[in-house]
Amino acid sequence: MLRAGAHFVWAAQSVYEHEDNSQEQWKEMENLSWRICWELIKREGYIAIWRKPLGNNCYINRHPQLQPPICEANDDPDNVWYVSLKACITPLPENGYGANVTIWPTRLHYPPDRLLTIKMDAYNSRKEIFRAESKYWNDLVNGYVNAFNWKDLHLRNVMDMKAGYGGFAAALHDYGIDCWVMNVVPVSGFNTLPVIYDRGLVGVMHDWCEPFDTYPRTYDLLNAAGLFSIEEKRCDISTIMLEIDRILRPGGHVYIHDTDIIIEELKDIATAMGWETLLFDTIEGPHATYKLLFGAKPV
């Protein structure tokens, strides 16, 4: 998970205590960090800091029998859903992808190099798609902020259920909504997590036909754009709505943008769950095939 040149901070008694047991733990950690090519940057008090290498030279020059080994060439480090942990070192991409990111907050709007690694139909137009998504969400969030008074909601925990490249979260930052956004990438689509993280955002991959790994009443606001029309082919959308209801705080809000047929079905489900619902036309007008469903969970 660490980027090239990134740091690992270890705070433990083993760093500063001189008892035999603590010293044995420190030596084990020191030996392991050397074998995986981490450089000890600082050891002071009860904190030790290591840095991951910027390139593959140390990995290449390791003794062939040294453990843990380098992962096999056919191992896909982006394959993260229902995959067991492997005791091997993932080498760094020779092109530097994932390391050469721009500084914050510039990186939030700069198409990262790893955009080209996403397995999707388009290739040459990826940067244009990235910029188009960013503009789309900036325009949409601007309307949400003004029309729905988002700045008065005092949002903190927000989720984008189908995050794409993270344009929704980036737009919230641009419009000064001081919140933390969980960007969820559904397993039914393209794995865009590398782009989300290179933009300086956070996210996870998830199968929305399964429960989301969080406590009840966690989120203040959930955003779902085009999620249900995709997932209805895989599972019952009413169960997804019930999962939303579980993780949404009392008084929380949901904004669902989807086809008019799906929206009508979701409106019935939301009403049955006791939500306050409102239906809106999109900017395409009343005859468009997409609608916006607003839902508020009762306090």
Protein backbone atom coordinates (compact mmCIF):
# COMPACT_ATOMS: atom_id res chain seq x y z
CA MET A 1 0.00 0.00 0.00
CA LEU A 2 2.90 2.40 0.57
CA ARG A 3 3.92 4.68 -2.28
CA ALA A 4 7.53 4.78 -3.47
CA GLY A 5 9.42 7.01 -1.02
CA ALA A 6 6.55 6.89 1.50
CA HIS A 7 7.08 6.49 5.24
CA PHE A 8 6.08 3.97 7.91
CA VAL A 9 5.96 5.17 11.53
CA TRP A 10 6.19 2.62 14.33
CA ALA A 11 5.37 3.69 17.89
CA ALA A 12 6.11 0.89 20.33
CA GLN A 13 7.87 0.03 23.56
CA SER A 14 10.29 -2.09 21.57
CA VAL A 15 11.79 1.08 20.08
CA TYR A 16 13.06 2.51 23.37
CA GLU A 17 13.00 -0.21 26.05
CA HIS A 18 16.16 -2.17 26.76
CA GLU A 19 14.61 -5.27 28.25
CA ASP A 20 15.47 -8.53 26.52
CA ASN A 21 11.99 -9.12 25.16
CA SER A 22 11.70 -5.61 23.74
CA GLN A 23 15.17 -5.72 22.24
CA GLU A 24 14.38 -9.03 20.57
CA GLN A 25 11.26 -7.49 18.99
CA TRP A 26 13.28 -4.48 17.82
CA LYS A 27 15.92 -6.69 16.22
CA GLU A 28 13.20 -8.67 14.42
CA MET A 29 11.68 -5.47 13.08
CA GLU A 30 15.07 -4.07 12.14
CA ASN A 31 15.93 -7.27 10.28
CA LEU A 32 12.59 -7.42 8.45
CA SER A 33 12.76 -3.77 7.39
CA TRP A 34 16.25 -4.38 5.99
CA ARG A 35 15.07 -7.43 4.04
CA ILE A 36 12.19 -5.50 2.43
CA CYS A 37 14.53 -2.59 1.61
CA TRP A 38 13.11 0.00 3.99
CA GLU A 39 15.57 2.66 5.17
CA LEU A 40 15.54 3.63 8.84
CA ILE A 41 15.22 7.43 8.81
CA LYS A 42 14.79 8.24 12.49
CA ARG A 43 14.74 6.47 15.84
CA GLU A 44 13.95 8.72 18.74
CA GLY A 45 12.02 8.16 21.96
CA TYR A 46 9.41 5.48 21.34
CA ILE A 47 9.07 6.24 17.60
CA ALA A 48 10.96 4.79 14.64
CA ILE A 49 10.44 5.93 11.04
CA TRP A 50 11.29 3.98 7.90
CA ARG A 51 11.10 5.03 4.24
CA LYS A 52 10.21 2.78 1.32
CA PRO A 53 12.68 2.98 -1.61
CA LEU A 54 12.01 5.18 -4.64
CA GLY A 55 13.12 2.52 -7.13
CA ASN A 56 13.77 -1.18 -7.62
CA ASN A 57 17.58 -1.22 -7.27
CA CYS A 58 17.54 -2.64 -3.74
CA TYR A 59 15.00 -5.30 -4.74
CA ILE A 60 17.06 -6.33 -7.76
CA ASN A 61 20.29 -6.56 -5.76
CA ARG A 62 18.83 -8.70 -2.95
CA HIS A 63 20.16 -12.23 -2.53
CA PRO A 64 17.87 -14.62 -4.48
CA GLN A 65 17.21 -16.72 -1.37
CA LEU A 66 16.35 -13.80 0.88
CA GLN A 67 12.87 -13.88 2.36
CA PRO A 68 10.29 -12.61 1.64
CA PRO A 69 10.72 -13.07 -2.12
CA ILE A 70 9.76 -10.64 -4.86
CA CYS A 71 6.22 -11.30 -6.14
CA GLU A 72 5.94 -13.19 -9.40
CA ALA A 73 5.67 -11.25 -12.63
CA ASN A 74 2.09 -12.39 -13.26
CA ASP A 75 0.92 -11.19 -9.83
CA ASP A 76 -1.54 -8.28 -10.17
CA PRO A 77 -1.13 -5.85 -7.25
CA ASP A 78 -4.36 -4.08 -8.26
CA ASN A 79 -6.40 -7.26 -7.75
CA VAL A 80 -7.61 -6.54 -4.22
CA TRP A 81 -11.11 -8.02 -3.93
CA TYR A 82 -11.35 -11.46 -2.25
CA VAL A 83 -7.62 -12.05 -2.64
CA SER A 84 -5.56 -13.60 0.15
CA LEU A 85 -2.49 -11.79 1.44
CA LYS A 86 0.77 -12.91 -0.14
CA ALA A 87 4.10 -12.93 1.66
CA CYS A 88 6.03 -11.30 -1.17
CA ILE A 89 7.33 -7.84 -2.12
CA THR A 90 5.53 -6.00 -4.90
CA PRO A 91 8.17 -4.30 -7.09
CA LEU A 92 7.66 -0.69 -8.10
CA PRO A 93 6.51 0.19 -11.64
CA GLU A 94 9.49 1.13 -13.80
CA ASN A 95 7.53 4.08 -15.19
CA GLY A 96 7.22 5.58 -11.71
CA TYR A 97 3.42 5.43 -11.67
CA GLY A 98 2.10 6.00 -8.17
CA ALA A 99 5.22 7.88 -7.06
CA ASN A 100 5.44 10.93 -9.29
CA VAL A 101 2.28 12.68 -8.08
CA THR A 102 2.01 16.45 -7.91
CA ILE A 103 1.75 18.33 -4.63
CA TRP A 104 -1.53 18.95 -2.79
CA PRO A 105 -3.92 20.56 -3.65
CA THR A 106 -2.75 20.68 -7.29
CA ARG A 107 -2.92 16.88 -7.49
CA LEU A 108 -6.66 17.01 -6.80
CA HIS A 109 -7.30 18.31 -10.33
CA TYR A 110 -4.30 16.95 -12.22
CA PRO A 111 -4.85 13.72 -14.25
CA PRO A 112 -2.36 11.30 -12.65
CA ASP A 113 -0.13 8.97 -14.67
CA ARG A 114 -1.90 5.89 -13.31
CA LEU A 115 -5.02 7.03 -15.18
CA LEU A 116 -3.48 5.21 -18.16
CA THR A 117 -3.35 1.91 -16.25
CA ILE A 118 -7.11 1.67 -15.63
CA LYS A 119 -8.60 -1.26 -17.53
CA MET A 120 -11.39 0.39 -19.49
CA ASP A 121 -12.62 0.72 -23.06
CA ALA A 122 -11.22 4.18 -23.72
CA TYR A 123 -7.47 4.83 -23.94
CA ASN A 124 -6.55 7.98 -25.84
CA SER A 125 -9.45 9.95 -24.40
CA ARG A 126 -8.90 9.11 -20.72
CA LYS A 127 -7.66 12.56 -19.72
CA GLU A 128 -10.60 14.13 -21.51
CA ILE A 129 -12.97 11.80 -19.64
CA PHE A 130 -11.24 12.72 -16.37
CA ARG A 131 -11.65 16.44 -17.02
CA ALA A 132 -15.23 16.01 -18.24
CA GLU A 133 -16.15 14.13 -15.05
CA SER A 134 -14.56 16.85 -12.93
CA LYS A 135 -16.50 19.59 -14.74
CA TYR A 136 -19.74 17.59 -14.49
CA TRP A 137 -19.45 17.19 -10.73
CA ASN A 138 -18.35 20.78 -10.19
CA ASP A 139 -21.46 22.00 -11.98
CA LEU A 140 -23.70 19.52 -10.16
CA VAL A 141 -22.29 20.11 -6.68
CA ASN A 142 -22.54 23.85 -7.22
CA GLY A 143 -26.26 23.33 -7.78
CA TYR A 144 -26.55 21.03 -4.76
CA VAL A 145 -24.75 23.50 -2.47
CA ASN A 146 -26.94 26.41 -3.51
CA ALA A 147 -30.31 24.67 -3.97
CA PHE A 148 -30.13 22.33 -0.97
CA ASN A 149 -28.12 24.59 1.38
CA TRP A 150 -25.41 22.00 1.94
CA LYS A 151 -23.25 24.44 3.90
CA ASP A 152 -25.99 24.57 6.54
CA LEU A 153 -26.03 20.77 6.94
CA HIS A 154 -22.65 20.72 8.76
CA LEU A 155 -21.63 17.56 6.90
CA ARG A 156 -18.70 15.49 8.12
CA ASN A 157 -19.01 11.86 6.99
CA VAL A 158 -19.98 11.61 3.32
CA MET A 159 -19.96 8.65 0.94
CA ASP A 160 -19.91 8.53 -2.85
CA MET A 161 -21.28 5.06 -3.61
CA LYS A 162 -20.06 5.00 -7.23
CA ALA A 163 -17.07 7.27 -7.11
CA GLY A 164 -15.55 6.96 -10.59
CA TYR A 165 -12.46 9.17 -10.56
CA GLY A 166 -13.46 10.96 -7.36
CA GLY A 167 -14.93 14.04 -9.04
CA PHE A 168 -17.73 14.39 -6.48
CA ALA A 169 -15.29 14.50 -3.55
CA ALA A 170 -13.03 16.94 -5.38
CA ALA A 171 -15.97 19.25 -6.07
CA LEU A 172 -16.98 19.23 -2.40
CA HIS A 173 -13.46 20.38 -1.55
CA ASP A 174 -13.60 23.12 -4.19
CA TYR A 175 -16.86 24.52 -2.83
CA GLY A 176 -15.61 24.59 0.75
CA ILE A 177 -17.71 21.75 2.16
CA ASP A 178 -15.57 20.74 5.13
CA CYS A 179 -16.19 17.00 5.16
CA TRP A 180 -14.51 13.62 4.86
CA VAL A 181 -15.55 11.60 1.78
CA MET A 182 -15.40 7.82 1.43
CA ASN A 183 -15.10 7.08 -2.29
CA VAL A 184 -16.48 3.61 -3.02
CA VAL A 185 -15.55 1.86 -6.27
CA PRO A 186 -18.04 -0.95 -7.04
CA VAL A 187 -16.48 -4.27 -8.06
CA SER A 188 -18.94 -4.40 -10.97
CA GLY A 189 -17.08 -1.59 -12.76
CA PHE A 190 -13.56 -0.41 -13.55
CA ASN A 191 -11.05 -0.25 -10.70
CA THR A 192 -10.39 3.48 -10.48
CA LEU A 193 -8.95 3.41 -6.94
CA PRO A 194 -5.40 4.25 -8.13
CA VAL A 195 -6.65 7.52 -9.64
CA ILE A 196 -8.67 8.36 -6.52
CA TYR A 197 -5.64 7.89 -4.27
CA ASP A 198 -3.28 9.75 -6.62
CA ARG A 199 -5.65 12.71 -6.41
CA GLY A 200 -5.11 12.76 -2.65
CA LEU A 201 -8.50 11.23 -1.80
CA VAL A 202 -9.41 8.03 0.06
CA GLY A 203 -11.56 5.13 -1.05
CA VAL A 204 -12.33 1.42 -1.01
CA MET A 205 -13.59 -1.23 -3.39
CA HIS A 206 -16.90 -2.86 -2.52
CA ASP A 207 -19.57 -5.20 -3.82
CA TRP A 208 -22.91 -3.48 -3.21
CA CYS A 209 -24.66 -6.84 -3.26
CA GLU A 210 -23.00 -7.38 0.13
CA PRO A 211 -23.07 -5.40 3.41
CA PHE A 212 -20.70 -2.45 3.67
CA ASP A 213 -18.11 -2.95 6.40
CA THR A 214 -19.08 -0.13 8.75
CA TYR A 215 -21.14 0.60 11.84
CA PRO A 216 -24.81 1.56 11.67
CA ARG A 217 -25.60 5.28 11.41
CA THR A 218 -22.13 6.23 10.16
CA TYR A 219 -22.77 8.67 7.31
CA ASP A 220 -24.41 12.11 7.11
CA LEU A 221 -24.88 12.06 3.35
CA LEU A 222 -24.69 9.44 0.58
CA ASN A 223 -24.41 10.15 -3.13
CA ALA A 224 -25.27 7.52 -5.76
CA ALA A 225 -25.06 8.37 -9.46
CA GLY A 226 -25.89 5.57 -11.90
CA LEU A 227 -25.33 2.89 -9.27
CA PHE A 228 -28.71 1.15 -9.12
CA SER A 229 -29.20 0.76 -12.88
CA ILE A 230 -25.96 -1.23 -12.93
CA GLU A 231 -26.39 -3.26 -9.76
CA GLU A 232 -30.03 -4.25 -10.48
CA LYS A 233 -28.61 -6.83 -12.91
CA ARG A 234 -26.68 -8.43 -10.07
CA CYS A 235 -28.88 -8.17 -6.96
CA ASP A 236 -32.11 -6.83 -5.50
CA ILE A 237 -31.90 -3.02 -5.30
CA SER A 238 -34.23 -3.00 -2.28
CA THR A 239 -31.48 -4.67 -0.23
CA ILE A 240 -29.05 -1.91 -1.26
CA MET A 241 -31.58 0.68 -0.13
CA LEU A 242 -31.91 -1.09 3.21
CA GLU A 243 -28.13 -1.06 3.56
CA ILE A 244 -28.13 2.68 2.86
CA ASP A 245 -30.78 3.11 5.56
CA ARG A 246 -28.61 1.12 8.00
CA ILE A 247 -25.47 3.23 7.55
CA LEU A 248 -27.23 6.60 7.25
CA ARG A 249 -27.57 8.72 10.40
CA PRO A 250 -31.02 9.82 11.54
CA GLY A 251 -31.55 13.14 9.76
CA GLY A 252 -29.07 12.11 7.06
CA HIS A 253 -29.59 12.72 3.34
CA VAL A 254 -29.36 10.64 0.17
CA TYR A 255 -29.06 11.93 -3.40
CA ILE A 256 -29.66 9.32 -6.11
CA HIS A 257 -29.25 10.16 -9.80
CA ASP A 258 -30.46 7.38 -12.10
CA THR A 259 -32.89 6.43 -14.88
CA ASP A 260 -36.51 7.51 -14.41
CA ILE A 261 -37.68 3.88 -14.25
CA ILE A 262 -35.20 3.03 -11.47
CA ILE A 263 -35.95 6.27 -9.62
CA GLU A 264 -39.66 5.55 -9.51
CA GLU A 265 -38.98 2.13 -7.99
CA LEU A 266 -36.51 3.56 -5.49
CA LYS A 267 -38.99 6.27 -4.49
CA ASP A 268 -41.54 3.59 -3.53
CA ILE A 269 -38.91 1.72 -1.50
CA ALA A 270 -37.76 4.92 0.24
CA THR A 271 -41.32 5.85 1.14
CA ALA A 272 -41.90 2.37 2.56
CA MET A 273 -38.81 2.84 4.78
CA GLY A 274 -40.24 6.08 6.14
CA TRP A 275 -37.94 8.48 4.31
CA GLU A 276 -39.06 11.93 3.25
CA THR A 277 -38.60 11.97 -0.54
CA LEU A 278 -38.56 14.58 -3.28
CA LEU A 279 -38.22 14.01 -7.02
CA PHE A 280 -36.38 16.46 -9.26
CA ASP A 281 -35.73 16.82 -12.97
CA THR A 282 -32.10 16.99 -14.05
CA ILE A 283 -30.67 19.88 -16.06
CA GLU A 284 -31.73 18.01 -19.23
CA GLY A 285 -35.37 18.83 -18.45
CA PRO A 286 -38.61 17.01 -17.58
CA HIS A 287 -38.48 14.68 -20.58
CA ALA A 288 -34.97 13.36 -19.86
CA THR A 289 -34.45 9.69 -19.06
CA TYR A 290 -32.66 10.54 -15.80
CA LYS A 291 -34.10 11.92 -12.55
CA LEU A 292 -32.79 12.96 -9.15
CA LEU A 293 -34.27 11.41 -6.01
CA PHE A 294 -33.70 13.19 -2.71
CA GLY A 295 -34.24 11.20 0.48
CA ALA A 296 -34.07 12.25 4.13
CA LYS A 297 -34.01 9.70 6.92
CA PRO A 298 -36.25 10.69 9.84
CA VAL A 299 -34.67 11.74 13.11
